[in-house]
Protein backbone atom coordinates (compact mmCIF):
# COMPACT_ATOMS: atom_id res chain seq x y z
CA MET A 1 44.16 -0.14 -27.88
CA SER A 2 45.66 3.12 -27.19
CA PRO A 3 45.63 4.30 -23.71
CA ALA A 4 42.61 6.81 -23.85
CA ASP A 5 40.69 4.13 -25.41
CA ALA A 6 41.58 1.99 -22.48
CA SER A 7 40.55 4.98 -19.90
CA SER A 8 37.67 5.16 -21.87
CA ALA A 9 36.39 1.59 -22.00
CA PRO A 10 33.40 0.61 -19.53
CA ARG A 11 34.18 -1.18 -17.12
CA PRO A 12 33.69 -4.64 -16.40
CA TYR A 13 30.64 -6.25 -14.00
CA ARG A 14 32.05 -7.89 -11.40
CA VAL A 15 30.11 -11.10 -10.87
CA VAL A 16 30.14 -13.13 -7.71
CA GLN A 17 28.71 -16.92 -8.05
CA TRP A 18 27.29 -18.32 -5.00
CA ALA A 19 28.01 -22.02 -4.74
CA THR A 20 28.97 -24.43 -7.61
CA GLY A 21 26.63 -26.66 -8.27
CA THR A 22 25.75 -27.74 -11.85
CA LEU A 23 23.70 -24.28 -12.71
CA GLY A 24 26.82 -22.38 -10.55
CA ARG A 25 29.75 -23.88 -12.58
CA ALA A 26 27.31 -22.91 -15.64
CA VAL A 27 27.52 -19.55 -14.85
CA ILE A 28 31.41 -19.62 -13.77
CA ARG A 29 31.69 -20.56 -17.54
CA GLY A 30 29.63 -17.70 -18.87
CA VAL A 31 31.14 -15.02 -16.95
CA LEU A 32 34.74 -16.42 -18.14
CA ASP A 33 33.44 -16.24 -22.02
CA ARG A 34 31.37 -13.30 -21.75
CA PRO A 35 32.94 -10.06 -22.23
CA GLY A 36 31.92 -7.07 -20.09
CA LEU A 37 31.85 -9.41 -17.07
CA GLU A 38 34.72 -10.32 -14.69
CA LEU A 39 34.61 -13.17 -12.12
CA ALA A 40 34.90 -11.39 -8.61
CA GLY A 41 34.63 -14.41 -6.39
CA VAL A 42 32.88 -17.76 -5.51
CA TRP A 43 31.50 -19.27 -2.61
CA VAL A 44 31.31 -23.17 -2.26
CA HIS A 45 29.48 -24.89 0.46
CA THR A 46 32.19 -28.01 0.82
CA PRO A 47 35.13 -28.08 2.49
CA ALA A 48 36.91 -30.22 -0.49
CA LYS A 49 36.36 -26.74 -2.39
CA ASP A 50 37.56 -24.31 -0.20
CA GLY A 51 40.73 -22.36 -1.75
CA ALA A 52 39.80 -24.18 -4.83
CA ASP A 53 40.88 -22.32 -7.99
CA ALA A 54 37.09 -21.23 -9.46
CA GLY A 55 38.56 -21.91 -13.17
CA LEU A 56 39.35 -25.36 -12.34
CA LEU A 57 35.98 -25.97 -9.95
CA ALA A 58 34.21 -25.10 -13.78
CA GLY A 59 36.20 -27.16 -15.92
CA ARG A 60 38.67 -24.76 -17.08
CA GLY A 61 42.02 -23.46 -16.97
CA PRO A 62 42.95 -21.51 -14.00
CA THR A 63 41.31 -17.86 -13.20
CA GLY A 64 43.60 -16.71 -9.61
CA VAL A 65 39.95 -16.14 -8.63
CA THR A 66 39.86 -18.81 -5.12
CA ALA A 67 36.76 -20.56 -4.34
CA THR A 68 35.88 -19.88 -0.23
CA ARG A 69 33.34 -20.73 2.41
CA ASP A 70 33.41 -17.55 4.64
CA PRO A 71 30.72 -15.71 3.74
CA ALA A 72 32.41 -12.41 5.16
CA ALA A 73 34.73 -13.07 2.53
CA ILE A 74 32.17 -12.66 0.15
CA LEU A 75 30.53 -9.36 1.82
CA ASP A 76 34.21 -7.67 1.71
CA LEU A 77 34.93 -8.20 -1.84
CA ASP A 78 34.47 -5.09 -4.22
CA ALA A 79 31.39 -6.60 -6.70
CA ASP A 80 28.56 -5.56 -8.23
CA CYS A 81 26.38 -8.61 -8.47
CA VAL A 82 25.94 -11.86 -7.18
CA VAL A 83 24.42 -14.58 -8.52
CA TYR A 84 22.75 -16.42 -5.82
CA ALA A 85 22.29 -20.06 -6.98
CA PRO A 86 22.40 -22.12 -3.45
CA GLY A 87 21.76 -25.53 -5.12
CA ARG A 88 18.66 -26.76 -3.75
CA ALA A 89 15.38 -26.26 -5.06
CA GLY A 90 12.23 -25.07 -3.49
CA ASP A 91 12.15 -22.83 -0.42
CA PRO A 92 13.46 -19.26 -1.37
CA LEU A 93 13.00 -17.55 2.15
CA ALA A 94 15.36 -20.40 4.06
CA ASP A 95 18.71 -18.45 3.22
CA LEU A 96 16.78 -14.81 3.72
CA ASP A 97 19.54 -13.26 6.30
CA THR A 98 22.35 -14.27 3.62
CA VAL A 99 20.23 -12.53 0.60
CA CYS A 100 19.76 -9.40 2.64
CA ALA A 101 23.19 -9.29 4.14
CA LEU A 102 24.67 -9.32 0.31
CA LEU A 103 22.10 -6.75 -0.64
CA ALA A 104 23.35 -4.79 2.14
CA SER A 105 26.89 -5.20 1.69
CA GLY A 106 26.27 -2.94 -1.47
CA LYS A 107 25.75 -6.30 -4.30
CA ASN A 108 22.92 -6.61 -6.48
CA VAL A 109 21.88 -9.94 -5.75
CA ILE A 110 20.10 -12.35 -8.80
CA SER A 111 18.39 -15.00 -7.34
CA MET A 112 18.50 -18.42 -9.03
CA ASN A 113 16.56 -20.03 -5.92
CA GLY A 114 13.15 -17.83 -6.18
CA LEU A 115 12.38 -14.09 -5.49
CA VAL A 116 10.61 -14.06 -8.92
CA TYR A 117 7.98 -12.04 -7.09
CA PRO A 118 8.60 -11.60 -3.61
CA GLN A 119 5.46 -9.29 -3.07
CA ALA A 120 3.77 -13.04 -2.93
CA HIS A 121 4.80 -13.69 0.45
CA GLY A 122 3.21 -10.75 2.26
CA PRO A 123 4.20 -7.20 3.21
CA SER A 124 7.25 -8.32 5.70
CA LEU A 125 9.47 -10.21 3.32
CA VAL A 126 8.53 -7.25 0.93
CA ASN A 127 9.68 -4.72 3.68
CA GLU A 128 12.91 -6.82 4.96
CA LEU A 129 14.40 -6.92 1.48
CA GLU A 130 13.38 -3.21 0.51
CA GLN A 131 15.32 -2.36 3.95
CA ALA A 132 18.49 -4.48 3.02
CA CYS A 133 18.39 -2.76 -0.52
CA LYS A 134 17.98 0.96 1.24
CA ARG A 135 21.44 0.45 3.05
CA GLY A 136 23.19 -1.21 0.17
CA GLY A 137 21.70 1.01 -2.54
CA SER A 138 21.03 -2.20 -4.49
CA SER A 139 18.55 -4.39 -6.13
CA VAL A 140 17.29 -8.09 -5.82
CA HIS A 141 16.11 -9.73 -9.09
CA GLY A 142 14.64 -13.50 -9.17
CA THR A 143 14.97 -15.13 -12.52
CA GLY A 144 15.68 -18.68 -13.92
CA PHE A 145 14.14 -21.07 -16.54
CA ASN A 146 11.42 -22.79 -14.80
CA THR A 147 10.19 -20.89 -12.63
CA GLY A 148 11.43 -17.32 -13.81
CA PHE A 149 11.02 -17.71 -17.56
CA MET A 150 8.72 -21.02 -18.72
CA ALA A 151 5.70 -20.73 -15.85
CA ASP A 152 5.66 -16.78 -15.61
CA VAL A 153 7.73 -14.55 -17.94
CA MET A 154 6.69 -16.66 -21.63
CA PRO A 155 2.73 -16.54 -20.11
CA LEU A 156 2.89 -12.53 -19.85
CA ALA A 157 4.86 -12.38 -23.21
CA LEU A 158 2.21 -14.17 -24.97
CA SER A 159 -0.49 -12.47 -23.07
CA ARG A 160 0.54 -9.37 -25.73
CA LEU A 161 -1.12 -11.24 -28.37
CA SER A 162 -4.61 -11.73 -26.76
CA ARG A 163 -7.42 -9.96 -25.09
CA ARG A 164 -10.31 -11.15 -23.04
CA ILE A 165 -7.94 -13.40 -21.25
CA THR A 166 -9.79 -16.00 -19.13
CA HIS A 167 -7.03 -18.76 -18.28
CA VAL A 168 -3.42 -19.16 -18.17
CA TYR A 169 -1.65 -22.66 -18.38
CA SER A 170 2.08 -23.51 -18.43
CA ARG A 171 3.32 -27.13 -18.27
CA GLU A 172 6.95 -28.34 -17.66
CA CYS A 173 7.40 -32.40 -18.16
CA SER A 174 11.58 -33.10 -17.21
CA ASP A 175 12.76 -36.28 -17.92
CA PHE A 176 15.80 -37.20 -15.78
CA ALA A 177 17.13 -40.26 -17.66
CA ARG A 178 20.09 -38.69 -18.43
CA HIS A 179 20.35 -36.23 -15.52
CA PRO A 180 24.26 -36.76 -14.21
CA SER A 181 23.39 -35.58 -10.57
CA TRP A 182 22.37 -38.62 -8.17
CA ARG A 183 21.56 -35.91 -5.70
CA MET A 184 19.29 -34.30 -7.72
CA VAL A 185 17.31 -37.26 -8.92
CA HIS A 186 17.33 -39.22 -6.00
CA HIS A 187 17.34 -36.51 -3.05
CA MET A 188 15.59 -33.76 -4.24
CA VAL A 189 13.49 -34.82 -6.69
CA GLY A 190 12.06 -38.23 -4.36
CA PHE A 191 13.19 -40.91 -7.04
CA GLY A 192 13.61 -44.28 -6.22
CA ARG A 193 12.36 -43.89 -2.49
CA ASP A 194 9.81 -46.44 -1.56
CA GLU A 195 6.53 -45.28 -1.41
CA GLU A 196 6.50 -45.07 2.73
CA SER A 197 9.69 -42.96 2.36
CA PHE A 198 8.68 -40.43 -0.34
CA LEU A 199 5.21 -39.76 1.33
CA ARG A 200 7.15 -39.02 4.89
CA SER A 201 9.25 -36.50 2.47
CA LEU A 202 5.95 -34.86 0.82
CA ARG A 203 5.13 -32.49 3.96
CA PRO A 204 8.19 -30.22 3.44
CA ALA A 205 8.60 -30.50 -0.24
CA ARG A 206 5.33 -29.44 -0.46
CA THR A 207 6.12 -26.42 1.26
CA ALA A 208 8.87 -25.80 -0.74
CA MET A 209 7.43 -26.18 -4.08
CA ARG A 210 4.23 -24.39 -3.19
CA THR A 211 6.64 -21.44 -1.64
CA LEU A 212 8.07 -21.51 -5.49
CA TYR A 213 5.65 -21.32 -7.64
CA THR A 214 3.11 -19.47 -6.10
CA GLU A 215 5.59 -16.94 -7.06
CA SER A 216 5.49 -17.55 -10.20
CA LEU A 217 1.27 -17.57 -10.38
CA HIS A 218 1.29 -14.01 -8.33
CA LEU A 219 3.64 -12.64 -10.89
CA VAL A 220 1.35 -13.55 -13.77
CA ALA A 221 -1.71 -12.25 -12.12
CA ALA A 222 0.42 -8.98 -11.36
CA GLY A 223 0.83 -8.96 -14.64
CA LEU A 224 -2.83 -9.45 -15.93
CA GLY A 225 -4.00 -7.29 -13.16
CA VAL A 226 -5.99 -9.62 -11.49
CA ASP A 227 -5.76 -10.43 -8.06
CA LEU A 228 -5.65 -14.45 -6.57
CA ASP A 229 -7.91 -15.19 -3.40
CA GLU A 230 -5.55 -18.61 -2.97
CA ILE A 231 -3.62 -21.47 -4.22
CA ASP A 232 -4.27 -25.16 -4.54
CA VAL A 233 -1.59 -27.68 -4.77
CA ASP A 234 -2.17 -31.22 -5.69
CA MET A 235 0.43 -33.86 -6.12
CA ASP A 236 0.34 -36.84 -8.08
CA TYR A 237 3.18 -39.89 -8.05
CA ARG A 238 4.01 -42.90 -10.07
CA LEU A 239 6.08 -46.17 -9.04
CA ALA A 240 8.49 -47.91 -11.14
CA GLY A 241 7.12 -51.11 -13.32
CA THR A 242 10.45 -52.46 -13.50
CA ASP A 243 14.20 -51.16 -12.53
CA LEU A 244 14.83 -48.13 -14.40
CA GLU A 245 18.89 -47.56 -14.98
CA ILE A 246 19.50 -44.07 -15.66
CA THR A 247 22.53 -42.12 -15.58
CA ALA A 248 21.87 -40.77 -11.90
CA GLY A 249 21.84 -44.45 -11.01
CA ARG A 250 19.33 -46.91 -10.95
CA ILE A 251 15.58 -46.85 -9.81
CA PRO A 252 14.49 -50.00 -8.48
CA ARG A 253 11.36 -51.56 -9.79
CA GLY A 254 8.19 -50.48 -6.93
CA THR A 255 9.64 -46.99 -5.48
CA VAL A 256 8.58 -43.37 -7.20
CA ALA A 257 9.89 -42.98 -10.75
CA ALA A 258 7.44 -39.97 -11.77
CA ALA A 259 5.70 -36.99 -10.00
CA ARG A 260 3.20 -34.59 -11.13
CA TRP A 261 2.83 -31.25 -8.69
CA THR A 262 -0.61 -28.95 -9.91
CA PHE A 263 -0.88 -25.12 -8.63
CA SER A 264 -3.88 -23.25 -9.11
CA GLY A 265 -4.44 -19.69 -8.42
CA LEU A 266 -8.10 -19.16 -7.70
CA THR A 267 -10.08 -16.20 -8.17
CA GLY A 268 -13.85 -16.35 -6.86
CA GLY A 269 -13.17 -19.71 -6.69
CA ARG A 270 -12.49 -20.15 -10.53
CA PRO A 271 -8.58 -21.49 -11.39
CA VAL A 272 -7.50 -18.65 -13.63
CA ILE A 273 -3.68 -19.53 -13.61
CA SER A 274 -2.57 -22.94 -13.52
CA VAL A 275 0.91 -24.22 -13.62
CA GLU A 276 1.98 -27.84 -13.65
CA VAL A 277 5.32 -29.69 -12.83
CA ILE A 278 6.00 -33.07 -14.36
CA HIS A 279 9.31 -35.08 -13.30
CA LYS A 280 9.93 -38.70 -14.78
CA ALA A 281 12.86 -40.31 -14.30
CA ASP A 282 12.81 -42.39 -18.00
CA ALA A 283 10.31 -40.66 -20.40
CA ALA A 284 10.59 -43.46 -22.57
CA ARG A 285 9.32 -46.05 -19.94
CA ILE A 286 7.09 -43.65 -18.13
CA CYS A 287 4.01 -42.91 -20.27
CA ASP A 288 1.46 -40.88 -17.81
CA TRP A 289 1.00 -37.72 -18.20
CA GLY A 290 2.68 -36.73 -21.85
CA ASP A 291 5.52 -36.44 -23.54
CA PRO A 292 8.25 -34.21 -22.32
CA GLY A 293 8.21 -30.69 -23.43
CA HIS A 294 6.80 -27.32 -22.37
CA SER A 295 3.75 -26.16 -23.13
CA VAL A 296 1.76 -22.76 -22.62
CA ARG A 297 -2.11 -21.46 -22.90
CA VAL A 298 -3.19 -17.90 -23.05
CA HIS A 299 -6.79 -18.63 -23.04
CA GLY A 300 -8.61 -15.60 -24.78
CA ARG A 301 -9.65 -13.66 -27.94
CA PRO A 302 -7.77 -15.23 -30.01
CA SER A 303 -6.62 -18.21 -27.64
CA ILE A 304 -2.21 -18.57 -27.57
CA THR A 305 -0.79 -21.74 -27.53
CA LEU A 306 3.21 -22.69 -27.81
CA THR A 307 3.60 -26.39 -27.23
CA THR A 308 7.31 -27.51 -27.59
CA ASP A 309 9.26 -30.84 -27.30
CA ASP A 310 12.38 -31.19 -25.18
CA GLU A 311 14.95 -30.44 -27.54
CA TRP A 312 13.26 -26.97 -27.64
CA VAL A 313 16.29 -25.87 -25.39
CA SER A 314 19.07 -28.04 -25.58
CA ASP A 315 20.57 -27.15 -21.73
CA GLU A 316 17.75 -25.80 -19.31
CA VAL A 317 20.82 -25.47 -17.17
CA SER A 318 22.66 -23.33 -19.74
CA ALA A 319 19.55 -21.53 -20.32
CA ALA A 320 19.08 -20.76 -16.84
CA ALA A 321 22.64 -19.65 -16.70
CA ALA A 322 22.16 -17.41 -19.97
CA HIS A 323 19.18 -15.74 -18.28
CA ALA A 324 21.04 -14.57 -15.40
CA LEU A 325 23.82 -13.49 -16.78
CA ASN A 326 21.84 -11.71 -19.36
CA SER A 327 20.13 -9.99 -16.37
CA VAL A 328 22.98 -8.67 -14.66
CA PRO A 329 23.40 -5.32 -16.51
CA VAL A 330 19.61 -4.41 -16.36
CA VAL A 331 19.84 -5.42 -13.04
CA CYS A 332 22.95 -3.26 -11.44
CA ALA A 333 21.27 -0.26 -13.63
CA ALA A 334 18.32 -0.42 -11.85
CA GLU A 335 17.03 1.72 -9.31
CA PRO A 336 17.64 0.00 -5.56
CA GLY A 337 14.62 -2.14 -4.02
CA ILE A 338 12.87 -5.35 -5.75
CA ARG A 339 12.92 -5.49 -9.61
CA THR A 340 10.91 -8.08 -11.11
CA TYR A 341 10.10 -8.68 -14.38
CA LEU A 342 7.12 -6.43 -14.39
CA ASP A 343 9.81 -3.63 -13.44
CA LEU A 344 13.08 -3.97 -15.66
CA PRO A 345 13.58 -3.30 -19.43
CA PRO A 346 13.59 -6.00 -21.58
CA ILE A 347 16.26 -8.37 -20.73
CA VAL A 348 18.07 -9.90 -24.32
CA GLY A 349 21.04 -11.94 -25.10
CA ARG A 350 23.96 -10.21 -27.09
CA MET A 351 24.81 -11.23 -30.69
CA GLU A 352 28.78 -12.01 -30.51
CA ALA A 353 31.19 -12.27 -33.83
CA ALA A 354 31.67 -16.13 -34.89
CA PRO A 355 35.05 -17.31 -34.08
CA PRO A 356 37.39 -17.80 -37.24
CA GLY A 357 36.26 -20.72 -39.51
CA ALA A 358 32.39 -21.11 -37.38
CA LEU A 359 29.70 -21.44 -39.87
């Protein structure tokens, strides 16, 4: 490349990865592999990772980017965007101060823990985020796989094929039999707990899940031009009939091995938007509530149904990471403020030349 060509080449977007769980590591690998993106920094939870090379944390060679536990070090970085994946499912409002600090520092934020439709939480939250965006000249966008795509973006995409819509339904059924994370399966989802312990954990879990999926319901409602009066939440569970040996560790007989969450957005006392989320420790051994996969139905004229098995997406973590990274250029180019799926131009992947010898 000549000096003239080099000077005219667009500057890569400098990306920070916030937290290095399974999703965060996938994002780091995606940044390292993608032309036009550059890894600017990494924030980590644990002391053991502090000072480690980001590439090594992600299973790659050294990058020269050192991970840090110091938020101030991240705030001081020259970076365009932070992919914010703090690692725990649920309450996207728990770390609002951190998100606002990142926005005020001039960094766009792509949240993998909610904020797909902050307006669902009322004007106070919206104002706080908008003020932080105004101070930093930045934007915030929530994305992911479910939520962030299957529960909200996909129903809206299918809705363009229908008119006189009366009900929208999305379903996710996940099989955790091969999921490697003990923390995710046993701690966050709650499998392997006795019934009493599981029921005690439901109150905070219900709050977190309601907060998260309320956003998807309101995003779909806003896209379809309807106001929701209230959100109804229902939860059911099943106990293991025998010991289940799964990748993340044994689920003993008599402990919780499956859970189903149902979220319904009501208008005039009638459910108009519904989301069903089913988790199974081992779908081959637990037959209740159908097979793993995804389903989206738009009831209208005509009605549209899309149903997939669990092989439709080969890796949901990689899909969520790709959704975030494909969003980076669009979010960085957006006007400052809250930017949902309804506000942004289409976010698509990019075609790349196949490596030599590839089919």
